[in-house]
Amino acid sequence: MLVINIKENENIDKALKRFKKKFEKTGVLKELRRRQAFEKPSITIREQWKDAVYKSNKFGHHNDL
């Protein structure tokens, strides 16, 4: 459960922004979207490989796979 303490004379927009940031850090929404549709483990692994290759190329570590 997220608790946001609102300080005296604090603007509600600032408190809402703090809440949104805290909520985003929990990863609840990201997990919900991930669970909406089943993804085969082989597809998940393939995506992880693609990301790893992309990051490797982006940062100049050229390894031939």
C-alpha atoms as a PDB file:
ATOM      1  CA  MET A   1       0.000   0.000   0.000  1.00  0.00           C
ATOM      2  CA  LEU A   2       1.385   3.369  -0.983  1.00  0.00           C
ATOM      3  CA  VAL A   3       1.214   6.149   1.547  1.00  0.00           C
ATOM      4  CA  ILE A   4       1.905   9.735   0.583  1.00  0.00           C
ATOM      5  CA  ASN A   5       2.096  12.200   3.424  1.00  0.00           C
ATOM      6  CA  ILE A   6       0.869  15.590   2.324  1.00  0.00           C
ATOM      7  CA  LYS A   7       2.806  18.374   3.955  1.00  0.00           C
ATOM      8  CA  GLU A   8       1.122  21.449   5.324  1.00  0.00           C
ATOM      9  CA  ASN A   9       0.328  23.994   2.587  1.00  0.00           C
ATOM     10  CA  GLU A  10       1.566  21.573  -0.099  1.00  0.00           C
ATOM     11  CA  ASN A  11       0.092  21.858  -3.554  1.00  0.00           C
ATOM     12  CA  ILE A  12      -2.041  18.832  -4.452  1.00  0.00           C
ATOM     13  CA  ASP A  13      -0.345  18.612  -7.857  1.00  0.00           C
ATOM     14  CA  LYS A  14       3.041  18.108  -6.181  1.00  0.00           C
ATOM     15  CA  ALA A  15       1.642  15.391  -3.933  1.00  0.00           C
ATOM     16  CA  LEU A  16       0.033  13.685  -6.936  1.00  0.00           C
ATOM     17  CA  LYS A  17       3.328  13.820  -8.814  1.00  0.00           C
ATOM     18  CA  ARG A  18       5.105  12.177  -5.852  1.00  0.00           C
ATOM     19  CA  PHE A  19       2.409   9.491  -5.751  1.00  0.00           C
ATOM     20  CA  LYS A  20       2.747   8.761  -9.469  1.00  0.00           C
ATOM     21  CA  LYS A  21       6.525   8.482  -9.197  1.00  0.00           C
ATOM     22  CA  LYS A  22       6.276   6.120  -6.220  1.00  0.00           C
ATOM     23  CA  PHE A  23       3.614   4.035  -7.993  1.00  0.00           C
ATOM     24  CA  GLU A  24       5.747   3.759 -11.121  1.00  0.00           C
ATOM     25  CA  LYS A  25       8.715   2.520  -9.087  1.00  0.00           C
ATOM     26  CA  THR A  26       6.645  -0.365  -7.697  1.00  0.00           C
ATOM     27  CA  GLY A  27       6.219  -1.773 -11.231  1.00  0.00           C
ATOM     28  CA  VAL A  28       2.591  -2.808 -10.670  1.00  0.00           C
ATOM     29  CA  LEU A  29       1.308  -1.398 -13.945  1.00  0.00           C
ATOM     30  CA  LYS A  30       4.201  -2.878 -15.922  1.00  0.00           C
ATOM     31  CA  GLU A  31       3.548  -6.303 -14.382  1.00  0.00           C
ATOM     32  CA  LEU A  32      -0.171  -6.026 -15.129  1.00  0.00           C
ATOM     33  CA  ARG A  33       0.475  -5.289 -18.790  1.00  0.00           C
ATOM     34  CA  ARG A  34       2.962  -8.152 -18.995  1.00  0.00           C
ATOM     35  CA  ARG A  35       0.414 -10.613 -17.592  1.00  0.00           C
ATOM     36  CA  GLN A  36      -2.465  -9.591 -19.868  1.00  0.00           C
ATOM     37  CA  ALA A  37      -1.346 -11.947 -22.607  1.00  0.00           C
ATOM     38  CA  PHE A  38       0.585 -15.195 -22.327  1.00  0.00           C
ATOM     39  CA  GLU A  39       3.974 -15.200 -23.974  1.00  0.00           C
ATOM     40  CA  LYS A  40       5.794 -18.427 -24.674  1.00  0.00           C
ATOM     41  CA  PRO A  41       9.112 -18.793 -22.843  1.00  0.00           C
ATOM     42  CA  SER A  42      10.943 -19.197 -26.150  1.00  0.00           C
ATOM     43  CA  ILE A  43       9.617 -15.814 -27.306  1.00  0.00           C
ATOM     44  CA  THR A  44      10.678 -14.209 -24.026  1.00  0.00           C
ATOM     45  CA  ILE A  45      14.203 -15.606 -24.363  1.00  0.00           C
ATOM     46  CA  ARG A  46      14.374 -14.481 -28.006  1.00  0.00           C
ATOM     47  CA  GLU A  47      13.407 -10.927 -26.992  1.00  0.00           C
ATOM     48  CA  GLN A  48      16.051 -10.923 -24.268  1.00  0.00           C
ATOM     49  CA  TRP A  49      18.667 -12.002 -26.818  1.00  0.00           C
ATOM     50  CA  LYS A  50      17.586  -9.260 -29.208  1.00  0.00           C
ATOM     51  CA  ASP A  51      17.861  -6.652 -26.460  1.00  0.00           C
ATOM     52  CA  ALA A  52      21.297  -7.939 -25.450  1.00  0.00           C
ATOM     53  CA  VAL A  53      22.576  -7.830 -29.029  1.00  0.00           C
ATOM     54  CA  TYR A  54      21.159  -4.339 -29.540  1.00  0.00           C
ATOM     55  CA  LYS A  55      22.768  -3.036 -26.343  1.00  0.00           C
ATOM     56  CA  SER A  56      26.041  -4.734 -27.205  1.00  0.00           C
ATOM     57  CA  ASN A  57      26.113  -3.085 -30.632  1.00  0.00           C
ATOM     58  CA  LYS A  58      25.019   0.253 -29.256  1.00  0.00           C
ATOM     59  CA  PHE A  59      27.848   0.405 -26.734  1.00  0.00           C
ATOM     60  CA  GLY A  60      30.510  -0.783 -29.148  1.00  0.00           C
ATOM     61  CA  HIS A  61      31.041  -4.361 -27.994  1.00  0.00           C
ATOM     62  CA  HIS A  62      30.954  -6.097 -31.340  1.00  0.00           C
ATOM     63  CA  ASN A  63      30.786  -9.845 -30.831  1.00  0.00           C
ATOM     64  CA  ASP A  64      29.826 -12.114 -33.690  1.00  0.00           C
ATOM     65  CA  LEU A  65      27.116 -14.458 -32.488  1.00  0.00           C
END
